[in-house]
Amino acid sequence: MSSPYNSTPTVSVIGCPRNDALRTRPYAPLGAAVWTSSGDLAQRGITAIAQAATGTMSPFAVQGGEPTRKSVSDSVVNALALASQNGRARLAIPFVASGIFLTRIMPACTKAELAEIIVKAAQDNDCGVQPVIVAYGAEDFGLFQTAISSLGATGVELVEGSVTDHALHGCDVIVNAANMEVEFGGGMSGKIGSATGQEAQINAEARKELQAFWAANPPG
């Protein structure tokens, strides 16, 4: 699917809706993914993070910033696209948007449906990157197992544990359940940020990438 934006080397926006109101923040487009370094995680074999921008950190922070089913799907597609562009063979994908964002998706979305959305987006990618879904606990593992079975997504790997555990999933890039501000927040994002040991530096890196993205995409 094409986009009204042009992607940059660090910001992928396949399928993302146009929203020039975001440029002055600057926020990532809804459903985008932003490539950043990984701080101390590099010492564990995880050398990059694909930040999934499924919605704004604060509810209704900007018009067109609420998470949707499509923004979750788009963020997975865009994370895979960035992994491909950067020559990576595998990408670890956690349960994106399964925390507070899930309660903001309208009409209401169940975790089982969200698992299917993530699996389908991972299954349908055609960029040559192996998607590895990382379920944190047994309940989430079961939801993804059911989704993979019902969709016949035999090409999607599934493991149980922490997305920051390189020995578990064997991926040198992980997806962070981030936000359109592309800043580490709470929940899973906070744990990933803490594991990097460089939250402030990576947040600043993301802001520079977003500024470069908007400079490459003039208004209108």
C-alpha atoms as a PDB file:
ATOM      1  CA  MET A   1       0.000   0.000   0.000  1.00  0.00           C
ATOM      2  CA  SER A   2       1.337   3.438  -0.906  1.00  0.00           C
ATOM      3  CA  SER A   3       1.469   6.451   1.385  1.00  0.00           C
ATOM      4  CA  PRO A   4       0.855  10.183   0.876  1.00  0.00           C
ATOM      5  CA  TYR A   5       4.273  10.634   2.526  1.00  0.00           C
ATOM      6  CA  ASN A   6       7.745   9.742   1.363  1.00  0.00           C
ATOM      7  CA  SER A   7       9.568   7.443   3.758  1.00  0.00           C
ATOM      8  CA  THR A   8      13.092   8.342   4.851  1.00  0.00           C
ATOM      9  CA  PRO A   9      15.914   5.917   5.738  1.00  0.00           C
ATOM     10  CA  THR A  10      14.838   5.978   9.404  1.00  0.00           C
ATOM     11  CA  VAL A  11      11.072   6.623   9.230  1.00  0.00           C
ATOM     12  CA  SER A  12       8.814   4.212   7.310  1.00  0.00           C
ATOM     13  CA  VAL A  13       5.262   5.395   6.608  1.00  0.00           C
ATOM     14  CA  ILE A  14       3.706   2.760   4.338  1.00  0.00           C
ATOM     15  CA  GLY A  15      -0.089   3.161   4.474  1.00  0.00           C
ATOM     16  CA  CYS A  16      -0.024   6.025   6.992  1.00  0.00           C
ATOM     17  CA  PRO A  17      -2.711   8.734   6.670  1.00  0.00           C
ATOM     18  CA  ARG A  18      -1.620  12.293   5.862  1.00  0.00           C
ATOM     19  CA  ASN A  19      -1.752  14.663   8.844  1.00  0.00           C
ATOM     20  CA  ASP A  20       0.295  17.845   8.524  1.00  0.00           C
ATOM     21  CA  ALA A  21      -0.767  18.956  12.015  1.00  0.00           C
ATOM     22  CA  LEU A  22       1.832  16.530  13.347  1.00  0.00           C
ATOM     23  CA  ARG A  23       4.820  18.283  11.813  1.00  0.00           C
ATOM     24  CA  THR A  24       5.010  21.111  14.358  1.00  0.00           C
ATOM     25  CA  ARG A  25       5.245  18.712  17.339  1.00  0.00           C
ATOM     26  CA  PRO A  26       7.027  16.834  15.669  1.00  0.00           C
ATOM     27  CA  TYR A  27       5.198  13.514  15.920  1.00  0.00           C
ATOM     28  CA  ALA A  28       5.519  10.442  13.755  1.00  0.00           C
ATOM     29  CA  PRO A  29       2.549   9.744  11.456  1.00  0.00           C
ATOM     30  CA  LEU A  30      -0.052   7.344  12.860  1.00  0.00           C
ATOM     31  CA  GLY A  31       1.106   3.800  12.132  1.00  0.00           C
ATOM     32  CA  ALA A  32       4.696   4.726  11.273  1.00  0.00           C
ATOM     33  CA  ALA A  33       7.841   3.048  12.548  1.00  0.00           C
ATOM     34  CA  VAL A  34      11.045   4.867  13.461  1.00  0.00           C
ATOM     35  CA  TRP A  35      14.500   3.260  13.480  1.00  0.00           C
ATOM     36  CA  THR A  36      16.753   4.058  16.443  1.00  0.00           C
ATOM     37  CA  SER A  37      19.834   2.729  18.153  1.00  0.00           C
ATOM     38  CA  SER A  38      19.482   0.386  21.122  1.00  0.00           C
ATOM     39  CA  GLY A  39      21.879   1.675  23.775  1.00  0.00           C
ATOM     40  CA  ASP A  40      23.117  -0.968  26.194  1.00  0.00           C
ATOM     41  CA  LEU A  41      21.008  -3.636  24.479  1.00  0.00           C
ATOM     42  CA  ALA A  42      23.695  -3.764  21.787  1.00  0.00           C
ATOM     43  CA  GLN A  43      25.896  -5.565  24.298  1.00  0.00           C
ATOM     44  CA  ARG A  44      23.231  -8.308  24.408  1.00  0.00           C
ATOM     45  CA  GLY A  45      23.042  -8.685  20.628  1.00  0.00           C
ATOM     46  CA  ILE A  46      20.111  -6.300  19.992  1.00  0.00           C
ATOM     47  CA  THR A  47      21.580  -3.512  17.888  1.00  0.00           C
ATOM     48  CA  ALA A  48      18.507  -1.515  16.815  1.00  0.00           C
ATOM     49  CA  ILE A  49      14.920  -0.726  17.792  1.00  0.00           C
ATOM     50  CA  ALA A  50      11.994  -0.186  15.430  1.00  0.00           C
ATOM     51  CA  GLN A  51       9.703   2.188  17.326  1.00  0.00           C
ATOM     52  CA  ALA A  52       6.027   1.466  16.534  1.00  0.00           C
ATOM     53  CA  ALA A  53       3.960   4.673  16.522  1.00  0.00           C
ATOM     54  CA  THR A  54       0.444   3.307  17.028  1.00  0.00           C
ATOM     55  CA  GLY A  55      -1.019   6.407  18.719  1.00  0.00           C
ATOM     56  CA  THR A  56      -0.130   9.407  20.871  1.00  0.00           C
ATOM     57  CA  MET A  57       1.143   8.885  24.400  1.00  0.00           C
ATOM     58  CA  SER A  58      -1.544  11.196  25.835  1.00  0.00           C
ATOM     59  CA  PRO A  59      -5.177  10.616  24.783  1.00  0.00           C
ATOM     60  CA  PHE A  60      -6.446  13.108  22.196  1.00  0.00           C
ATOM     61  CA  ALA A  61      -3.114  14.964  22.185  1.00  0.00           C
ATOM     62  CA  VAL A  62      -3.679  15.725  18.502  1.00  0.00           C
ATOM     63  CA  GLN A  63      -6.523  15.112  16.074  1.00  0.00           C
ATOM     64  CA  GLY A  64      -5.934  11.840  14.279  1.00  0.00           C
ATOM     65  CA  GLY A  65      -3.686  10.507  17.003  1.00  0.00           C
ATOM     66  CA  GLU A  66      -5.840   7.804  18.569  1.00  0.00           C
ATOM     67  CA  PRO A  67      -4.716   4.191  18.044  1.00  0.00           C
ATOM     68  CA  THR A  68      -6.701   2.103  15.572  1.00  0.00           C
ATOM     69  CA  ARG A  69      -6.668  -1.436  14.235  1.00  0.00           C
ATOM     70  CA  LYS A  70      -5.057  -0.083  11.077  1.00  0.00           C
ATOM     71  CA  SER A  71      -2.369   1.863  12.946  1.00  0.00           C
ATOM     72  CA  VAL A  72      -1.311  -1.313  14.751  1.00  0.00           C
ATOM     73  CA  SER A  73      -1.147  -3.240  11.478  1.00  0.00           C
ATOM     74  CA  ASP A  74       0.671  -0.395   9.710  1.00  0.00           C
ATOM     75  CA  SER A  75       3.257  -0.094  12.487  1.00  0.00           C
ATOM     76  CA  VAL A  76       4.127  -3.793  12.186  1.00  0.00           C
ATOM     77  CA  VAL A  77       4.413  -3.512   8.393  1.00  0.00           C
ATOM     78  CA  ASN A  78       6.592  -0.418   8.706  1.00  0.00           C
ATOM     79  CA  ALA A  79       8.833  -2.007  11.336  1.00  0.00           C
ATOM     80  CA  LEU A  80       9.389  -4.971   9.010  1.00  0.00           C
ATOM     81  CA  ALA A  81      10.101  -2.594   6.122  1.00  0.00           C
ATOM     82  CA  LEU A  82      12.765  -0.788   8.161  1.00  0.00           C
ATOM     83  CA  ALA A  83      14.361  -4.086   9.154  1.00  0.00           C
ATOM     84  CA  SER A  84      14.522  -5.036   5.473  1.00  0.00           C
ATOM     85  CA  GLN A  85      15.963  -1.668   4.434  1.00  0.00           C
ATOM     86  CA  ASN A  86      18.684  -2.082   7.048  1.00  0.00           C
ATOM     87  CA  GLY A  87      19.590  -5.579   5.898  1.00  0.00           C
ATOM     88  CA  ARG A  88      18.246  -7.449   8.919  1.00  0.00           C
ATOM     89  CA  ALA A  89      16.952 -10.996   8.529  1.00  0.00           C
ATOM     90  CA  ARG A  90      14.759 -11.266  11.645  1.00  0.00           C
ATOM     91  CA  LEU A  91      12.550  -8.946  13.696  1.00  0.00           C
ATOM     92  CA  ALA A  92      11.190  -9.555  17.214  1.00  0.00           C
ATOM     93  CA  ILE A  93       7.635  -8.220  17.619  1.00  0.00           C
ATOM     94  CA  PRO A  94       6.021  -7.983  21.077  1.00  0.00           C
ATOM     95  CA  PHE A  95       2.297  -7.566  21.815  1.00  0.00           C
ATOM     96  CA  VAL A  96       2.106  -4.055  20.366  1.00  0.00           C
ATOM     97  CA  ALA A  97      -0.728  -1.834  21.704  1.00  0.00           C
ATOM     98  CA  SER A  98      -1.903  -4.471  24.188  1.00  0.00           C
ATOM     99  CA  GLY A  99      -1.680  -2.161  27.209  1.00  0.00           C
ATOM    100  CA  ILE A 100      -3.401   1.195  27.677  1.00  0.00           C
ATOM    101  CA  PHE A 101      -3.640   1.700  23.897  1.00  0.00           C
ATOM    102  CA  LEU A 102      -5.976  -1.289  23.647  1.00  0.00           C
ATOM    103  CA  THR A 103      -8.595   0.551  25.736  1.00  0.00           C
ATOM    104  CA  ARG A 104      -8.400   3.535  23.368  1.00  0.00           C
ATOM    105  CA  ILE A 105      -9.095   1.626  20.138  1.00  0.00           C
ATOM    106  CA  MET A 106     -12.658   2.255  18.955  1.00  0.00           C
ATOM    107  CA  PRO A 107     -14.828   0.342  18.377  1.00  0.00           C
ATOM    108  CA  ALA A 108     -13.627  -1.826  21.229  1.00  0.00           C
ATOM    109  CA  CYS A 109     -10.942  -4.364  20.353  1.00  0.00           C
ATOM    110  CA  THR A 110     -10.205  -7.558  22.289  1.00  0.00           C
ATOM    111  CA  LYS A 111      -6.687  -8.879  22.903  1.00  0.00           C
ATOM    112  CA  ALA A 112      -7.552 -11.911  20.795  1.00  0.00           C
ATOM    113  CA  GLU A 113      -8.488  -9.663  17.865  1.00  0.00           C
ATOM    114  CA  LEU A 114      -5.352  -7.570  18.391  1.00  0.00           C
ATOM    115  CA  ALA A 115      -3.223 -10.718  18.286  1.00  0.00           C
ATOM    116  CA  GLU A 116      -4.806 -11.622  14.932  1.00  0.00           C
ATOM    117  CA  ILE A 117      -4.123  -8.125  13.583  1.00  0.00           C
ATOM    118  CA  ILE A 118      -0.446  -8.390  14.506  1.00  0.00           C
ATOM    119  CA  VAL A 119      -0.076 -11.920  13.139  1.00  0.00           C
ATOM    120  CA  LYS A 120      -1.802 -11.021   9.857  1.00  0.00           C
ATOM    121  CA  ALA A 121       0.388  -7.942   9.361  1.00  0.00           C
ATOM    122  CA  ALA A 122       3.487 -10.032  10.052  1.00  0.00           C
ATOM    123  CA  GLN A 123       2.305 -12.856   7.791  1.00  0.00           C
ATOM    124  CA  ASP A 124       1.459 -10.589   4.854  1.00  0.00           C
ATOM    125  CA  ASN A 125       4.816  -8.804   4.771  1.00  0.00           C
ATOM    126  CA  ASP A 126       6.768  -9.417   1.579  1.00  0.00           C
ATOM    127  CA  CYS A 127      10.087  -7.844   2.544  1.00  0.00           C
ATOM    128  CA  GLY A 128      12.060 -10.999   3.242  1.00  0.00           C
ATOM    129  CA  VAL A 129      12.310 -10.475   7.002  1.00  0.00           C
ATOM    130  CA  GLN A 130      11.394 -13.315   9.382  1.00  0.00           C
ATOM    131  CA  PRO A 131       8.805 -12.082  11.915  1.00  0.00           C
ATOM    132  CA  VAL A 132       9.220 -13.515  15.415  1.00  0.00           C
ATOM    133  CA  ILE A 133       6.375 -12.734  17.802  1.00  0.00           C
ATOM    134  CA  VAL A 134       7.430 -12.591  21.445  1.00  0.00           C
ATOM    135  CA  ALA A 135       4.609 -13.239  23.930  1.00  0.00           C
ATOM    136  CA  TYR A 136       5.497 -12.203  27.466  1.00  0.00           C
ATOM    137  CA  GLY A 137       3.393 -14.783  29.322  1.00  0.00           C
ATOM    138  CA  ALA A 138       1.378 -17.960  28.857  1.00  0.00           C
ATOM    139  CA  GLU A 139      -1.943 -16.156  28.302  1.00  0.00           C
ATOM    140  CA  ASP A 140      -0.550 -13.971  25.513  1.00  0.00           C
ATOM    141  CA  PHE A 141       1.299 -16.962  24.044  1.00  0.00           C
ATOM    142  CA  GLY A 142      -2.012 -18.803  23.826  1.00  0.00           C
ATOM    143  CA  LEU A 143      -3.702 -15.882  22.057  1.00  0.00           C
ATOM    144  CA  PHE A 144      -0.954 -15.696  19.457  1.00  0.00           C
ATOM    145  CA  GLN A 145      -0.895 -19.470  19.058  1.00  0.00           C
ATOM    146  CA  THR A 146      -4.622 -19.407  18.289  1.00  0.00           C
ATOM    147  CA  ALA A 147      -4.216 -16.494  15.869  1.00  0.00           C
ATOM    148  CA  ILE A 148      -1.363 -18.203  14.000  1.00  0.00           C
ATOM    149  CA  SER A 149      -3.404 -21.400  13.731  1.00  0.00           C
ATOM    150  CA  SER A 150      -6.615 -19.706  12.573  1.00  0.00           C
ATOM    151  CA  LEU A 151      -4.786 -17.608   9.965  1.00  0.00           C
ATOM    152  CA  GLY A 152      -2.550 -20.449   8.818  1.00  0.00           C
ATOM    153  CA  ALA A 153       0.431 -18.187   9.437  1.00  0.00           C
ATOM    154  CA  THR A 154       3.047 -20.915   9.305  1.00  0.00           C
ATOM    155  CA  GLY A 155       5.796 -18.427   8.430  1.00  0.00           C
ATOM    156  CA  VAL A 156       5.419 -16.522  11.701  1.00  0.00           C
ATOM    157  CA  GLU A 157       7.569 -17.744  14.587  1.00  0.00           C
ATOM    158  CA  LEU A 158       6.294 -17.555  18.180  1.00  0.00           C
ATOM    159  CA  VAL A 159       8.267 -17.647  21.420  1.00  0.00           C
ATOM    160  CA  GLU A 160       7.437 -16.874  25.043  1.00  0.00           C
ATOM    161  CA  GLY A 161       9.503 -14.540  27.186  1.00  0.00           C
ATOM    162  CA  SER A 162      11.039 -11.063  27.090  1.00  0.00           C
ATOM    163  CA  VAL A 163      11.566  -9.166  23.857  1.00  0.00           C
ATOM    164  CA  THR A 164      14.887  -7.899  25.272  1.00  0.00           C
ATOM    165  CA  ASP A 165      16.210 -11.483  25.493  1.00  0.00           C
ATOM    166  CA  HIS A 166      18.286 -11.973  22.353  1.00  0.00           C
ATOM    167  CA  ALA A 167      19.058 -15.585  23.263  1.00  0.00           C
ATOM    168  CA  LEU A 168      15.320 -16.308  23.209  1.00  0.00           C
ATOM    169  CA  HIS A 169      14.370 -14.933  19.786  1.00  0.00           C
ATOM    170  CA  GLY A 170      17.693 -14.536  17.964  1.00  0.00           C
ATOM    171  CA  CYS A 171      16.761 -11.144  16.489  1.00  0.00           C
ATOM    172  CA  ASP A 172      19.179  -8.230  16.437  1.00  0.00           C
ATOM    173  CA  VAL A 173      16.265  -5.797  15.992  1.00  0.00           C
ATOM    174  CA  ILE A 174      13.204  -5.535  18.228  1.00  0.00           C
ATOM    175  CA  VAL A 175       9.962  -3.576  17.974  1.00  0.00           C
ATOM    176  CA  ASN A 176       9.145  -1.196  20.805  1.00  0.00           C
ATOM    177  CA  ALA A 177       5.460  -0.568  21.551  1.00  0.00           C
ATOM    178  CA  ALA A 178       6.110   3.152  21.346  1.00  0.00           C
ATOM    179  CA  ASN A 179       3.941   6.171  20.453  1.00  0.00           C
ATOM    180  CA  MET A 180       3.744   8.975  17.916  1.00  0.00           C
ATOM    181  CA  GLU A 181       5.962  11.128  20.140  1.00  0.00           C
ATOM    182  CA  VAL A 182       8.534   8.322  19.784  1.00  0.00           C
ATOM    183  CA  GLU A 183       9.494   8.506  23.450  1.00  0.00           C
ATOM    184  CA  PHE A 184       9.850   5.660  25.911  1.00  0.00           C
ATOM    185  CA  GLY A 185       6.753   5.518  28.117  1.00  0.00           C
ATOM    186  CA  GLY A 186       5.422   3.055  30.669  1.00  0.00           C
ATOM    187  CA  GLY A 187       4.654  -0.650  30.568  1.00  0.00           C
ATOM    188  CA  MET A 188       6.559  -2.629  27.942  1.00  0.00           C
ATOM    189  CA  SER A 189       8.009   0.536  26.424  1.00  0.00           C
ATOM    190  CA  GLY A 190       9.351   1.594  29.810  1.00  0.00           C
ATOM    191  CA  LYS A 191      11.003  -1.787  30.337  1.00  0.00           C
ATOM    192  CA  ILE A 192      12.662  -1.631  26.932  1.00  0.00           C
ATOM    193  CA  GLY A 193      13.766   1.950  27.580  1.00  0.00           C
ATOM    194  CA  SER A 194      15.239   0.983  30.933  1.00  0.00           C
ATOM    195  CA  ALA A 195      17.091  -1.927  29.322  1.00  0.00           C
ATOM    196  CA  THR A 196      18.721   0.452  26.831  1.00  0.00           C
ATOM    197  CA  GLY A 197      20.214   2.511  29.662  1.00  0.00           C
ATOM    198  CA  GLN A 198      20.037   5.489  27.284  1.00  0.00           C
ATOM    199  CA  GLU A 199      16.392   6.558  27.197  1.00  0.00           C
ATOM    200  CA  ALA A 200      17.087  10.291  26.903  1.00  0.00           C
ATOM    201  CA  GLN A 201      19.687   9.871  24.168  1.00  0.00           C
ATOM    202  CA  ILE A 202      17.476   7.573  22.097  1.00  0.00           C
ATOM    203  CA  ASN A 203      14.467   9.889  22.539  1.00  0.00           C
ATOM    204  CA  ALA A 204      16.626  12.772  21.267  1.00  0.00           C
ATOM    205  CA  GLU A 205      17.813  10.642  18.339  1.00  0.00           C
ATOM    206  CA  ALA A 206      14.193   9.919  17.399  1.00  0.00           C
ATOM    207  CA  ARG A 207      13.295  13.633  17.504  1.00  0.00           C
ATOM    208  CA  LYS A 208      16.101  14.389  15.051  1.00  0.00           C
ATOM    209  CA  GLU A 209      14.892  11.617  12.760  1.00  0.00           C
ATOM    210  CA  LEU A 210      11.350  12.991  12.845  1.00  0.00           C
ATOM    211  CA  GLN A 211      12.578  16.499  12.078  1.00  0.00           C
ATOM    212  CA  ALA A 212      14.455  15.130   9.067  1.00  0.00           C
ATOM    213  CA  PHE A 213      11.357  13.197   7.980  1.00  0.00           C
ATOM    214  CA  TRP A 214       9.131  16.300   8.049  1.00  0.00           C
ATOM    215  CA  ALA A 215      11.799  18.344   6.238  1.00  0.00           C
ATOM    216  CA  ALA A 216      11.657  15.708   3.474  1.00  0.00           C
ATOM    217  CA  ASN A 217       7.837  15.955   3.333  1.00  0.00           C
ATOM    218  CA  PRO A 218       6.734  19.541   2.663  1.00  0.00           C
ATOM    219  CA  PRO A 219       3.190  20.550   3.729  1.00  0.00           C
ATOM    220  CA  GLY A 220       0.280  19.635   1.480  1.00  0.00           C
END
